[in-house]
Structure formats: C-alpha cells, structure tokens
PDB file of N, CA and C in Angstrom:
ATOM      1  N   MET A   1       0.852  -1.170   0.000  1.00  0.00           N
ATOM      2  CA  MET A   1       0.000   0.000   0.000  1.00  0.00           C
ATOM      3  C   MET A   1       0.902   1.240   0.000  1.00  0.00           C
ATOM      4  N   GLU A   2       0.718   2.070  -0.974  1.00  0.00           N
ATOM      5  CA  GLU A   2       1.587   3.231  -1.166  1.00  0.00           C
ATOM      6  C   GLU A   2       1.559   4.197   0.019  1.00  0.00           C
ATOM      7  N   ALA A   3       0.393   4.416   0.593  1.00  0.00           N
ATOM      8  CA  ALA A   3       0.291   5.346   1.729  1.00  0.00           C
ATOM      9  C   ALA A   3       1.132   4.859   2.902  1.00  0.00           C
ATOM     10  N   VAL A   4       1.088   3.560   3.191  1.00  0.00           N
ATOM     11  CA  VAL A   4       1.865   3.011   4.307  1.00  0.00           C
ATOM     12  C   VAL A   4       3.358   3.119   4.015  1.00  0.00           C
ATOM     13  N   GLU A   5       3.747   2.853   2.784  1.00  0.00           N
ATOM     14  CA  GLU A   5       5.157   3.003   2.404  1.00  0.00           C
ATOM     15  C   GLU A   5       5.612   4.447   2.620  1.00  0.00           C
ATOM     16  N   ASN A   6       4.769   5.400   2.245  1.00  0.00           N
ATOM     17  CA  ASN A   6       5.110   6.816   2.447  1.00  0.00           C
ATOM     18  C   ASN A   6       5.216   7.153   3.933  1.00  0.00           C
ATOM     19  N   ILE A   7       4.294   6.635   4.739  1.00  0.00           N
ATOM     20  CA  ILE A   7       4.342   6.870   6.186  1.00  0.00           C
ATOM     21  C   ILE A   7       5.654   6.336   6.752  1.00  0.00           C
ATOM     22  N   ASN A   8       6.005   5.120   6.380  1.00  0.00           N
ATOM     23  CA  ASN A   8       7.232   4.519   6.903  1.00  0.00           C
ATOM     24  C   ASN A   8       8.478   5.263   6.438  1.00  0.00           C
ATOM     25  N   GLN A   9       8.513   5.672   5.187  1.00  0.00           N
ATOM     26  CA  GLN A   9       9.670   6.415   4.687  1.00  0.00           C
ATOM     27  C   GLN A   9       9.807   7.766   5.375  1.00  0.00           C
ATOM     28  N   MET A  10       8.701   8.482   5.484  1.00  0.00           N
ATOM     29  CA  MET A  10       8.739   9.796   6.141  1.00  0.00           C
ATOM     30  C   MET A  10       9.064   9.646   7.624  1.00  0.00           C
ATOM     31  N   GLY A  11       8.463   8.651   8.263  1.00  0.00           N
ATOM     32  CA  GLY A  11       8.736   8.412   9.667  1.00  0.00           C
ATOM     33  C   GLY A  11      10.200   8.103   9.922  1.00  0.00           C
ATOM     34  N   ASN A  12      10.790   7.323   9.051  1.00  0.00           N
ATOM     35  CA  ASN A  12      12.203   6.986   9.169  1.00  0.00           C
ATOM     36  C   ASN A  12      13.070   8.238   9.034  1.00  0.00           C
ATOM     37  N   LYS A  13      12.794   9.058   8.034  1.00  0.00           N
ATOM     38  CA  LYS A  13      13.560  10.288   7.821  1.00  0.00           C
ATOM     39  C   LYS A  13      13.417  11.262   8.984  1.00  0.00           C
ATOM     40  N   VAL A  14      12.182  11.423   9.454  1.00  0.00           N
ATOM     41  CA  VAL A  14      11.924  12.345  10.560  1.00  0.00           C
ATOM     42  C   VAL A  14      12.612  11.856  11.831  1.00  0.00           C
ATOM     43  N   THR A  15      12.548  10.544  12.084  1.00  0.00           N
ATOM     44  CA  THR A  15      13.210   9.969  13.260  1.00  0.00           C
ATOM     45  C   THR A  15      14.716  10.134  13.166  1.00  0.00           C
ATOM     46  N   ASP A  16      15.281   9.876  11.997  1.00  0.00           N
ATOM     47  CA  ASP A  16      16.723  10.055  11.799  1.00  0.00           C
ATOM     48  C   ASP A  16      17.158  11.500  12.017  1.00  0.00           C
ATOM     49  N   ALA A  17      16.261  12.444  11.786  1.00  0.00           N
ATOM     50  CA  ALA A  17      16.570  13.867  11.983  1.00  0.00           C
ATOM     51  C   ALA A  17      16.391  14.289  13.444  1.00  0.00           C
ATOM     52  N   GLY A  18      15.954  13.350  14.294  1.00  0.00           N
ATOM     53  CA  GLY A  18      15.816  13.647  15.711  1.00  0.00           C
ATOM     54  C   GLY A  18      14.434  14.091  16.155  1.00  0.00           C
ATOM     55  N   PHE A  19      13.444  13.906  15.300  1.00  0.00           N
ATOM     56  CA  PHE A  19      12.071  14.290  15.627  1.00  0.00           C
ATOM     57  C   PHE A  19      11.191  13.049  15.675  1.00  0.00           C
ATOM     58  N   ARG A  20       9.928  13.236  16.010  1.00  0.00           N
ATOM     59  CA  ARG A  20       8.961  12.142  16.017  1.00  0.00           C
ATOM     60  C   ARG A  20       7.898  12.428  14.970  1.00  0.00           C
ATOM     61  N   PHE A  21       7.436  11.377  14.322  1.00  0.00           N
ATOM     62  CA  PHE A  21       6.479  11.485  13.228  1.00  0.00           C
ATOM     63  C   PHE A  21       5.163  10.832  13.640  1.00  0.00           C
ATOM     64  N   ALA A  22       4.050  11.507  13.384  1.00  0.00           N
ATOM     65  CA  ALA A  22       2.724  10.944  13.632  1.00  0.00           C
ATOM     66  C   ALA A  22       1.809  11.307  12.468  1.00  0.00           C
ATOM     67  N   TRP A  23       0.871  10.437  12.183  1.00  0.00           N
ATOM     68  CA  TRP A  23      -0.132  10.703  11.159  1.00  0.00           C
ATOM     69  C   TRP A  23      -1.506  10.677  11.808  1.00  0.00           C
ATOM     70  N   CYS A  24      -2.455  11.356  11.201  1.00  0.00           N
ATOM     71  CA  CYS A  24      -3.787  11.531  11.775  1.00  0.00           C
ATOM     72  C   CYS A  24      -4.823  10.758  10.961  1.00  0.00           C
ATOM     73  N   ASN A  25      -5.717  10.081  11.679  1.00  0.00           N
ATOM     74  CA  ASN A  25      -6.797   9.365  11.004  1.00  0.00           C
ATOM     75  C   ASN A  25      -7.940  10.312  10.640  1.00  0.00           C
ATOM     76  N   HIS A  26      -8.770   9.852   9.727  1.00  0.00           N
ATOM     77  CA  HIS A  26     -10.021  10.540   9.377  1.00  0.00           C
ATOM     78  C   HIS A  26     -11.118   9.493   9.321  1.00  0.00           C
ATOM     79  N   ASP A  27     -12.360   9.929   9.364  1.00  0.00           N
ATOM     80  CA  ASP A  27     -13.466   8.970   9.395  1.00  0.00           C
ATOM     81  C   ASP A  27     -13.546   8.110   8.144  1.00  0.00           C
ATOM     82  N   LYS A  28     -12.977   8.559   7.056  1.00  0.00           N
ATOM     83  CA  LYS A  28     -12.993   7.775   5.814  1.00  0.00           C
ATOM     84  C   LYS A  28     -12.210   6.472   5.957  1.00  0.00           C
ATOM     85  N   GLY A  29     -11.342   6.392   6.962  1.00  0.00           N
ATOM     86  CA  GLY A  29     -10.570   5.178   7.195  1.00  0.00           C
ATOM     87  C   GLY A  29     -11.353   4.063   7.861  1.00  0.00           C
ATOM     88  N   PHE A  30     -12.577   4.362   8.283  1.00  0.00           N
ATOM     89  CA  PHE A  30     -13.375   3.368   8.980  1.00  0.00           C
ATOM     90  C   PHE A  30     -14.442   2.761   8.069  1.00  0.00           C
ATOM     91  N   VAL A  31     -14.034   2.501   6.851  1.00  0.00           N
ATOM     92  CA  VAL A  31     -14.860   1.767   5.896  1.00  0.00           C
ATOM     93  C   VAL A  31     -14.084   0.500   5.513  1.00  0.00           C
ATOM     94  N   ALA A  32     -14.815  -0.543   5.179  1.00  0.00           N
ATOM     95  CA  ALA A  32     -14.176  -1.808   4.829  1.00  0.00           C
ATOM     96  C   ALA A  32     -13.897  -1.877   3.335  1.00  0.00           C
ATOM     97  N   VAL A  33     -12.722  -2.367   3.013  1.00  0.00           N
ATOM     98  CA  VAL A  33     -12.334  -2.690   1.647  1.00  0.00           C
ATOM     99  C   VAL A  33     -11.855  -4.133   1.689  1.00  0.00           C
ATOM    100  N   ASP A  34     -12.472  -4.986   0.893  1.00  0.00           N
ATOM    101  CA  ASP A  34     -12.176  -6.420   0.937  1.00  0.00           C
ATOM    102  C   ASP A  34     -12.308  -6.957   2.353  1.00  0.00           C
ATOM    103  N   SER A  35     -13.363  -6.571   3.052  1.00  0.00           N
ATOM    104  CA  SER A  35     -13.744  -7.001   4.402  1.00  0.00           C
ATOM    105  C   SER A  35     -12.744  -6.606   5.494  1.00  0.00           C
ATOM    106  N   LYS A  36     -11.898  -5.611   5.233  1.00  0.00           N
ATOM    107  CA  LYS A  36     -10.963  -5.129   6.252  1.00  0.00           C
ATOM    108  C   LYS A  36     -10.990  -3.610   6.259  1.00  0.00           C
ATOM    109  N   LEU A  37     -11.005  -3.022   7.454  1.00  0.00           N
ATOM    110  CA  LEU A  37     -11.028  -1.563   7.549  1.00  0.00           C
ATOM    111  C   LEU A  37      -9.775  -0.949   6.940  1.00  0.00           C
ATOM    112  N   VAL A  38      -9.955   0.145   6.233  1.00  0.00           N
ATOM    113  CA  VAL A  38      -8.818   0.893   5.696  1.00  0.00           C
ATOM    114  C   VAL A  38      -7.884   1.288   6.850  1.00  0.00           C
ATOM    115  N   PHE A  39      -8.460   1.708   7.979  1.00  0.00           N
ATOM    116  CA  PHE A  39      -7.657   2.078   9.147  1.00  0.00           C
ATOM    117  C   PHE A  39      -6.731   0.935   9.572  1.00  0.00           C
ATOM    118  N   ASP A  40      -7.260  -0.295   9.660  1.00  0.00           N
ATOM    119  CA  ASP A  40      -6.432  -1.442  10.033  1.00  0.00           C
ATOM    120  C   ASP A  40      -5.357  -1.716   8.991  1.00  0.00           C
ATOM    121  N   ASN A  41      -5.699  -1.547   7.724  1.00  0.00           N
ATOM    122  CA  ASN A  41      -4.699  -1.715   6.663  1.00  0.00           C
ATOM    123  C   ASN A  41      -3.568  -0.704   6.795  1.00  0.00           C
ATOM    124  N   MET A  42      -3.889   0.474   7.313  1.00  0.00           N
ATOM    125  CA  MET A  42      -2.867   1.508   7.512  1.00  0.00           C
ATOM    126  C   MET A  42      -2.029   1.236   8.760  1.00  0.00           C
ATOM    127  N   MET A  43      -2.665   0.770   9.808  1.00  0.00           N
ATOM    128  CA  MET A  43      -1.981   0.594  11.083  1.00  0.00           C
ATOM    129  C   MET A  43      -1.042  -0.602  11.103  1.00  0.00           C
ATOM    130  N   GLU A  44      -1.489  -1.725  10.670  1.00  0.00           N
ATOM    131  CA  GLU A  44      -0.754  -2.959  10.887  1.00  0.00           C
ATOM    132  C   GLU A  44       0.627  -3.002  10.231  1.00  0.00           C
ATOM    133  N   PRO A  45       0.790  -2.553   9.007  1.00  0.00           N
ATOM    134  CA  PRO A  45       2.134  -2.652   8.420  1.00  0.00           C
ATOM    135  C   PRO A  45       3.071  -1.495   8.766  1.00  0.00           C
ATOM    136  N   SER A  46       2.551  -0.403   9.316  1.00  0.00           N
ATOM    137  CA  SER A  46       3.453   0.697   9.670  1.00  0.00           C
ATOM    138  C   SER A  46       3.871   0.510  11.117  1.00  0.00           C
ATOM    139  N   GLY A  47       5.175   0.472  11.343  1.00  0.00           N
ATOM    140  CA  GLY A  47       5.696   0.143  12.663  1.00  0.00           C
ATOM    141  C   GLY A  47       5.777   1.323  13.605  1.00  0.00           C
ATOM    142  N   THR A  48       5.596   1.069  14.885  1.00  0.00           N
ATOM    143  CA  THR A  48       5.640   2.141  15.872  1.00  0.00           C
ATOM    144  C   THR A  48       7.050   2.678  16.083  1.00  0.00           C
ATOM    145  N   GLU A  49       8.044   2.006  15.553  1.00  0.00           N
ATOM    146  CA  GLU A  49       9.416   2.491  15.703  1.00  0.00           C
ATOM    147  C   GLU A  49       9.596   3.858  15.029  1.00  0.00           C
ATOM    148  N   TYR A  50       8.953   4.053  13.872  1.00  0.00           N
ATOM    149  CA  TYR A  50       9.149   5.286  13.118  1.00  0.00           C
ATOM    150  C   TYR A  50       7.909   6.169  13.024  1.00  0.00           C
ATOM    151  N   SER A  51       6.764   5.664  13.426  1.00  0.00           N
ATOM    152  CA  SER A  51       5.567   6.497  13.324  1.00  0.00           C
ATOM    153  C   SER A  51       4.595   6.178  14.454  1.00  0.00           C
ATOM    154  N   LYS A  52       3.829   7.182  14.826  1.00  0.00           N
ATOM    155  CA  LYS A  52       2.766   7.069  15.820  1.00  0.00           C
ATOM    156  C   LYS A  52       1.504   7.645  15.196  1.00  0.00           C
ATOM    157  N   MET A  53       0.420   7.568  15.952  1.00  0.00           N
ATOM    158  CA  MET A  53      -0.869   8.075  15.489  1.00  0.00           C
ATOM    159  C   MET A  53      -1.271   9.317  16.262  1.00  0.00           C
ATOM    160  N   GLU A  54      -1.793  10.291  15.553  1.00  0.00           N
ATOM    161  CA  GLU A  54      -2.556  11.349  16.189  1.00  0.00           C
ATOM    162  C   GLU A  54      -4.009  10.951  15.959  1.00  0.00           C
ATOM    163  N   ARG A  55      -4.582  10.360  16.962  1.00  0.00           N
ATOM    164  CA  ARG A  55      -5.934   9.848  16.814  1.00  0.00           C
ATOM    165  C   ARG A  55      -6.949  10.974  16.961  1.00  0.00           C
ATOM    166  N   ASP A  56      -7.785  11.123  15.982  1.00  0.00           N
ATOM    167  CA  ASP A  56      -8.852  12.119  16.002  1.00  0.00           C
ATOM    168  C   ASP A  56     -10.111  11.431  16.518  1.00  0.00           C
ATOM    169  N   TRP A  57     -10.452  11.677  17.788  1.00  0.00           N
ATOM    170  CA  TRP A  57     -11.583  10.989  18.416  1.00  0.00           C
ATOM    171  C   TRP A  57     -12.891  11.276  17.686  1.00  0.00           C
ATOM    172  N   TYR A  58     -13.081  12.484  17.239  1.00  0.00           N
ATOM    173  CA  TYR A  58     -14.299  12.834  16.499  1.00  0.00           C
ATOM    174  C   TYR A  58     -14.431  11.938  15.265  1.00  0.00           C
ATOM    175  N   CYS A  59     -13.361  11.801  14.505  1.00  0.00           N
ATOM    176  CA  CYS A  59     -13.416  11.008  13.275  1.00  0.00           C
ATOM    177  C   CYS A  59     -13.619   9.530  13.566  1.00  0.00           C
ATOM    178  N   VAL A  60     -13.053   9.040  14.676  1.00  0.00           N
ATOM    179  CA  VAL A  60     -13.275   7.641  15.055  1.00  0.00           C
ATOM    180  C   VAL A  60     -14.764   7.423  15.320  1.00  0.00           C
ATOM    181  N   VAL A  61     -15.364   8.288  16.141  1.00  0.00           N
ATOM    182  CA  VAL A  61     -16.788   8.158  16.474  1.00  0.00           C
ATOM    183  C   VAL A  61     -17.646   8.368  15.233  1.00  0.00           C
ATOM    184  N   ASN A  62     -17.320   9.357  14.431  1.00  0.00           N
ATOM    185  CA  ASN A  62     -18.076   9.629  13.205  1.00  0.00           C
ATOM    186  C   ASN A  62     -17.981   8.455  12.225  1.00  0.00           C
ATOM    187  N   GLY A  63     -16.875   7.736  12.291  1.00  0.00           N
ATOM    188  CA  GLY A  63     -16.706   6.552  11.454  1.00  0.00           C
ATOM    189  C   GLY A  63     -17.411   5.321  12.009  1.00  0.00           C
ATOM    190  N   GLY A  64     -18.025   5.465  13.210  1.00  0.00           N
ATOM    191  CA  GLY A  64     -18.802   4.373  13.779  1.00  0.00           C
ATOM    192  C   GLY A  64     -18.040   3.494  14.750  1.00  0.00           C
ATOM    193  N   TYR A  65     -16.903   3.956  15.261  1.00  0.00           N
ATOM    194  CA  TYR A  65     -16.089   3.136  16.140  1.00  0.00           C
ATOM    195  C   TYR A  65     -15.857   3.814  17.481  1.00  0.00           C
ATOM    196  N   ASN A  66     -15.419   3.015  18.446  1.00  0.00           N
ATOM    197  CA  ASN A  66     -15.176   3.470  19.805  1.00  0.00           C
ATOM    198  C   ASN A  66     -13.675   3.690  20.006  1.00  0.00           C
ATOM    199  N   PRO A  67     -13.254   4.899  20.399  1.00  0.00           N
ATOM    200  CA  PRO A  67     -11.824   5.154  20.606  1.00  0.00           C
ATOM    201  C   PRO A  67     -11.183   4.187  21.596  1.00  0.00           C
ATOM    202  N   MET A  68     -11.912   3.766  22.617  1.00  0.00           N
ATOM    203  CA  MET A  68     -11.348   2.861  23.616  1.00  0.00           C
ATOM    204  C   MET A  68     -11.019   1.500  23.015  1.00  0.00           C
ATOM    205  N   ASP A  69     -11.818   1.046  22.052  1.00  0.00           N
ATOM    206  CA  ASP A  69     -11.511  -0.214  21.377  1.00  0.00           C
ATOM    207  C   ASP A  69     -10.195  -0.119  20.615  1.00  0.00           C
ATOM    208  N   LEU A  70      -9.927   1.047  20.044  1.00  0.00           N
ATOM    209  CA  LEU A  70      -8.667   1.226  19.313  1.00  0.00           C
ATOM    210  C   LEU A  70      -7.473   1.256  20.261  1.00  0.00           C
ATOM    211  N   PHE A  71      -7.649   1.813  21.463  1.00  0.00           N
ATOM    212  CA  PHE A  71      -6.580   1.772  22.473  1.00  0.00           C
ATOM    213  C   PHE A  71      -6.193   0.329  22.761  1.00  0.00           C
ATOM    214  N   ARG A  72      -7.202  -0.522  22.933  1.00  0.00           N
ATOM    215  CA  ARG A  72      -6.936  -1.922  23.271  1.00  0.00           C
ATOM    216  C   ARG A  72      -6.347  -2.685  22.084  1.00  0.00           C
ATOM    217  N   LYS A  73      -6.800  -2.361  20.900  1.00  0.00           N
ATOM    218  CA  LYS A  73      -6.321  -3.077  19.716  1.00  0.00           C
ATOM    219  C   LYS A  73      -4.890  -2.660  19.336  1.00  0.00           C
ATOM    220  N   TYR A  74      -4.583  -1.371  19.534  1.00  0.00           N
ATOM    221  CA  TYR A  74      -3.263  -0.849  19.167  1.00  0.00           C
ATOM    222  C   TYR A  74      -2.638  -0.118  20.360  1.00  0.00           C
ATOM    223  N   PRO A  75      -2.290  -0.867  21.428  1.00  0.00           N
ATOM    224  CA  PRO A  75      -1.726  -0.207  22.608  1.00  0.00           C
ATOM    225  C   PRO A  75      -0.409   0.500  22.267  1.00  0.00           C
ATOM    226  N   SER A  76      -0.228   1.629  22.877  1.00  0.00           N
ATOM    227  CA  SER A  76       0.973   2.482  22.792  1.00  0.00           C
ATOM    228  C   SER A  76       1.115   3.256  21.478  1.00  0.00           C
ATOM    229  N   TRP A  77       0.201   3.112  20.551  1.00  0.00           N
ATOM    230  CA  TRP A  77       0.298   3.804  19.268  1.00  0.00           C
ATOM    231  C   TRP A  77      -0.096   5.270  19.323  1.00  0.00           C
ATOM    232  N   PHE A  78      -1.013   5.628  20.222  1.00  0.00           N
ATOM    233  CA  PHE A  78      -1.675   6.925  20.147  1.00  0.00           C
ATOM    234  C   PHE A  78      -1.095   7.915  21.153  1.00  0.00           C
ATOM    235  N   GLU A  79       0.045   8.476  20.843  1.00  0.00           N
ATOM    236  CA  GLU A  79       0.673   9.427  21.761  1.00  0.00           C
ATOM    237  C   GLU A  79      -0.021  10.784  21.753  1.00  0.00           C
ATOM    238  N   ILE A  80      -0.714  11.076  20.688  1.00  0.00           N
ATOM    239  CA  ILE A  80      -1.345  12.386  20.517  1.00  0.00           C
ATOM    240  C   ILE A  80      -2.837  12.173  20.274  1.00  0.00           C
ATOM    241  N   GLY A  81      -3.660  12.987  20.922  1.00  0.00           N
ATOM    242  CA  GLY A  81      -5.094  12.909  20.698  1.00  0.00           C
ATOM    243  C   GLY A  81      -5.636  14.229  20.190  1.00  0.00           C
ATOM    244  N   HIS A  82      -6.434  14.162  19.158  1.00  0.00           N
ATOM    245  CA  HIS A  82      -7.082  15.340  18.596  1.00  0.00           C
ATOM    246  C   HIS A  82      -8.499  15.346  19.156  1.00  0.00           C
ATOM    247  N   VAL A  83      -8.739  16.208  20.131  1.00  0.00           N
ATOM    248  CA  VAL A  83     -10.013  16.209  20.848  1.00  0.00           C
ATOM    249  C   VAL A  83     -10.937  17.261  20.250  1.00  0.00           C
ATOM    250  N   LYS A  84     -12.016  16.796  19.678  1.00  0.00           N
ATOM    251  CA  LYS A  84     -13.078  17.690  19.232  1.00  0.00           C
ATOM    252  C   LYS A  84     -14.404  16.971  19.415  1.00  0.00           C
ATOM    253  N   GLU A  85     -15.443  17.711  19.595  1.00  0.00           N
ATOM    254  CA  GLU A  85     -16.743  17.186  19.994  1.00  0.00           C
ATOM    255  C   GLU A  85     -17.716  17.116  18.819  1.00  0.00           C
ATOM    256  N   MET A  86     -18.627  16.149  18.887  1.00  0.00           N
ATOM    257  CA  MET A  86     -19.648  15.972  17.857  1.00  0.00           C
ATOM    258  C   MET A  86     -20.983  16.538  18.349  1.00  0.00           C
ATOM    259  N   LYS A  87     -21.642  17.275  17.482  1.00  0.00           N
ATOM    260  CA  LYS A  87     -22.959  17.814  17.834  1.00  0.00           C
ATOM    261  C   LYS A  87     -23.918  16.694  18.199  1.00  0.00           C
ATOM    262  N   LYS A  88     -24.882  17.011  19.032  1.00  0.00           N
ATOM    263  CA  LYS A  88     -25.811  15.999  19.536  1.00  0.00           C
ATOM    264  C   LYS A  88     -26.695  15.400  18.448  1.00  0.00           C
ATOM    265  N   ASN A  89     -26.844  16.078  17.335  1.00  0.00           N
ATOM    266  CA  ASN A  89     -27.703  15.548  16.284  1.00  0.00           C
ATOM    267  C   ASN A  89     -26.932  14.729  15.245  1.00  0.00           C
ATOM    268  N   ARG A  90     -25.656  14.461  15.484  1.00  0.00           N
ATOM    269  CA  ARG A  90     -24.801  13.644  14.611  1.00  0.00           C
ATOM    270  C   ARG A  90     -24.824  14.095  13.154  1.00  0.00           C
ATOM    271  N   ASP A  91     -24.918  15.386  12.937  1.00  0.00           N
ATOM    272  CA  ASP A  91     -24.937  15.876  11.563  1.00  0.00           C
ATOM    273  C   ASP A  91     -23.531  16.058  11.000  1.00  0.00           C
ATOM    274  N   GLY A  92     -22.541  15.610  11.742  1.00  0.00           N
ATOM    275  CA  GLY A  92     -21.174  15.763  11.293  1.00  0.00           C
ATOM    276  C   GLY A  92     -20.557  17.070  11.717  1.00  0.00           C
ATOM    277  N   GLY A  93     -21.315  17.884  12.421  1.00  0.00           N
ATOM    278  CA  GLY A  93     -20.795  19.162  12.860  1.00  0.00           C
ATOM    279  C   GLY A  93     -19.991  19.046  14.143  1.00  0.00           C
ATOM    280  N   ILE A  94     -19.124  20.005  14.351  1.00  0.00           N
ATOM    281  CA  ILE A  94     -18.252  20.040  15.524  1.00  0.00           C
ATOM    282  C   ILE A  94     -18.859  20.976  16.560  1.00  0.00           C
ATOM    283  N   ASN A  95     -18.701  20.594  17.835  1.00  0.00           N
ATOM    284  CA  ASN A  95     -19.236  21.359  18.943  1.00  0.00           C
ATOM    285  C   ASN A  95     -18.126  21.549  19.981  1.00  0.00           C
ATOM    286  N   TYR A  96     -18.392  22.323  21.024  1.00  0.00           N
ATOM    287  CA  TYR A  96     -17.447  22.488  22.122  1.00  0.00           C
ATOM    288  C   TYR A  96     -17.379  21.192  22.920  1.00  0.00           C
ATOM    289  N   VAL A  97     -16.182  20.816  23.378  1.00  0.00           N
ATOM    290  CA  VAL A  97     -16.011  19.604  24.167  1.00  0.00           C
ATOM    291  C   VAL A  97     -16.905  19.667  25.396  1.00  0.00           C
ATOM    292  N   GLY A  98     -17.662  18.590  25.616  1.00  0.00           N
ATOM    293  CA  GLY A  98     -18.587  18.509  26.737  1.00  0.00           C
ATOM    294  C   GLY A  98     -20.004  18.910  26.378  1.00  0.00           C
ATOM    295  N   GLN A  99     -20.200  19.473  25.181  1.00  0.00           N
ATOM    296  CA  GLN A  99     -21.534  19.897  24.771  1.00  0.00           C
ATOM    297  C   GLN A  99     -22.060  19.059  23.598  1.00  0.00           C
ATOM    298  N   GLY A 100     -21.538  17.856  23.473  1.00  0.00           N
ATOM    299  CA  GLY A 100     -21.968  16.989  22.385  1.00  0.00           C
ATOM    300  C   GLY A 100     -22.211  15.578  22.871  1.00  0.00           C
ATOM    301  N   ILE A 101     -21.996  14.597  21.991  1.00  0.00           N
ATOM    302  CA  ILE A 101     -22.360  13.214  22.308  1.00  0.00           C
ATOM    303  C   ILE A 101     -21.182  12.289  22.572  1.00  0.00           C
ATOM    304  N   ILE A 102     -19.956  12.749  22.438  1.00  0.00           N
ATOM    305  CA  ILE A 102     -18.805  11.883  22.695  1.00  0.00           C
ATOM    306  C   ILE A 102     -18.549  11.859  24.201  1.00  0.00           C
ATOM    307  N   GLY A 103     -18.492  10.685  24.780  1.00  0.00           N
ATOM    308  CA  GLY A 103     -18.201  10.546  26.209  1.00  0.00           C
ATOM    309  C   GLY A 103     -16.707  10.544  26.443  1.00  0.00           C
ATOM    310  N   PHE A 104     -16.142  11.701  26.739  1.00  0.00           N
ATOM    311  CA  PHE A 104     -14.691  11.803  26.865  1.00  0.00           C
ATOM    312  C   PHE A 104     -14.123  11.220  28.153  1.00  0.00           C
ATOM    313  N   LEU A 105     -14.855  11.250  29.261  1.00  0.00           N
ATOM    314  CA  LEU A 105     -14.306  10.764  30.528  1.00  0.00           C
ATOM    315  C   LEU A 105     -13.856   9.304  30.446  1.00  0.00           C
ATOM    316  N   PRO A 106     -14.667   8.380  29.913  1.00  0.00           N
ATOM    317  CA  PRO A 106     -14.176   6.995  29.783  1.00  0.00           C
ATOM    318  C   PRO A 106     -12.944   6.887  28.879  1.00  0.00           C
ATOM    319  N   ILE A 107     -12.879   7.723  27.861  1.00  0.00           N
ATOM    320  CA  ILE A 107     -11.712   7.728  26.974  1.00  0.00           C
ATOM    321  C   ILE A 107     -10.483   8.172  27.753  1.00  0.00           C
ATOM    322  N   PHE A 108     -10.608   9.254  28.523  1.00  0.00           N
ATOM    323  CA  PHE A 108      -9.483   9.765  29.299  1.00  0.00           C
ATOM    324  C   PHE A 108      -9.012   8.748  30.339  1.00  0.00           C
ATOM    325  N   GLU A 109      -9.937   7.950  30.867  1.00  0.00           N
ATOM    326  CA  GLU A 109      -9.576   6.960  31.884  1.00  0.00           C
ATOM    327  C   GLU A 109      -8.698   5.832  31.351  1.00  0.00           C
ATOM    328  N   VAL A 110      -8.812   5.517  30.076  1.00  0.00           N
ATOM    329  CA  VAL A 110      -8.014   4.416  29.503  1.00  0.00           C
ATOM    330  C   VAL A 110      -6.983   4.899  28.487  1.00  0.00           C
ATOM    331  N   GLU A 111      -6.793   6.189  28.380  1.00  0.00           N
ATOM    332  CA  GLU A 111      -5.908   6.704  27.339  1.00  0.00           C
ATOM    333  C   GLU A 111      -4.458   6.253  27.485  1.00  0.00           C
ATOM    334  N   LYS A 112      -4.000   5.975  28.687  1.00  0.00           N
ATOM    335  CA  LYS A 112      -2.614   5.507  28.850  1.00  0.00           C
ATOM    336  C   LYS A 112      -2.390   4.173  28.162  1.00  0.00           C
ATOM    337  N   THR A 113      -3.430   3.328  28.110  1.00  0.00           N
ATOM    338  CA  THR A 113      -3.335   2.062  27.375  1.00  0.00           C
ATOM    339  C   THR A 113      -2.982   2.330  25.917  1.00  0.00           C
ATOM    340  N   GLY A 114      -3.550   3.388  25.367  1.00  0.00           N
ATOM    341  CA  GLY A 114      -3.304   3.734  23.972  1.00  0.00           C
ATOM    342  C   GLY A 114      -1.991   4.440  23.735  1.00  0.00           C
ATOM    343  N   GLY A 115      -1.316   4.868  24.805  1.00  0.00           N
ATOM    344  CA  GLY A 115      -0.014   5.505  24.657  1.00  0.00           C
ATOM    345  C   GLY A 115      -0.007   6.994  24.937  1.00  0.00           C
ATOM    346  N   VAL A 116      -1.169   7.590  25.275  1.00  0.00           N
ATOM    347  CA  VAL A 116      -1.224   9.005  25.566  1.00  0.00           C
ATOM    348  C   VAL A 116      -0.542   9.245  26.910  1.00  0.00           C
ATOM    349  N   ASN A 117       0.366  10.190  26.949  1.00  0.00           N
ATOM    350  CA  ASN A 117       1.084  10.490  28.197  1.00  0.00           C
ATOM    351  C   ASN A 117       0.468  11.660  28.907  1.00  0.00           C
TER     352      ASN A 117
END
C-alpha cells in the first residue's frame, strides 16, 4: 500500500533527523475494503518504531467506532489525541467539548493504554 510506504519512509527520515512522526486518522478510514477496515490496513504494516498516530476521536466516532476499542487493539500507538466534539444531532458538525455526544471521561480513563502520556 503506497500510503503506508510513504508513512514509513517519512517516519524513518523524521526519526533520523531527531524528531517524532505521527499521522492523523479521518473517518474515511473506517470503511471496509475487501472485508478489512482501511484504518487497520494503515496501522498494521506501519511500525511504531518510526511512526505514531494522532488519533482524532471525532473522526473515530463519526466513522462508527469506539476510541477505547482502538486503544486496546493498538496499545501504545496513540501518543497524541485530537479532541473535538460531535454535535448531539450527529450531523457531522463540531461542537465544544462537553456539549456533544462523545463521552470523553471513559476515553481519558483508559488513554494511557493507547499511549497518551
């Protein structure tokens, strides 16, 4: 997969330069292609040695998945979290954190499993 190859190449270069590299998910990654999520196809072959995830909780929920499940499936991958809230009517709009439908407290309670420091 070309995207994963690019992630690994960029991650390697950035790491060699003394920095850390992370990529961000979007809700489009939570669709199945050949019965496997695009997100899983992106995660599994790219190694945590050179890249991490900036997990966008809004996009995970909008894609129909639970952020806590991803913490358990990919422990230590998610050093960075992109916190934004979903409107209560699920129209895809963004709201202020705490004024929407994403339950952040349970996410914050298990975030260390996912790698958030």
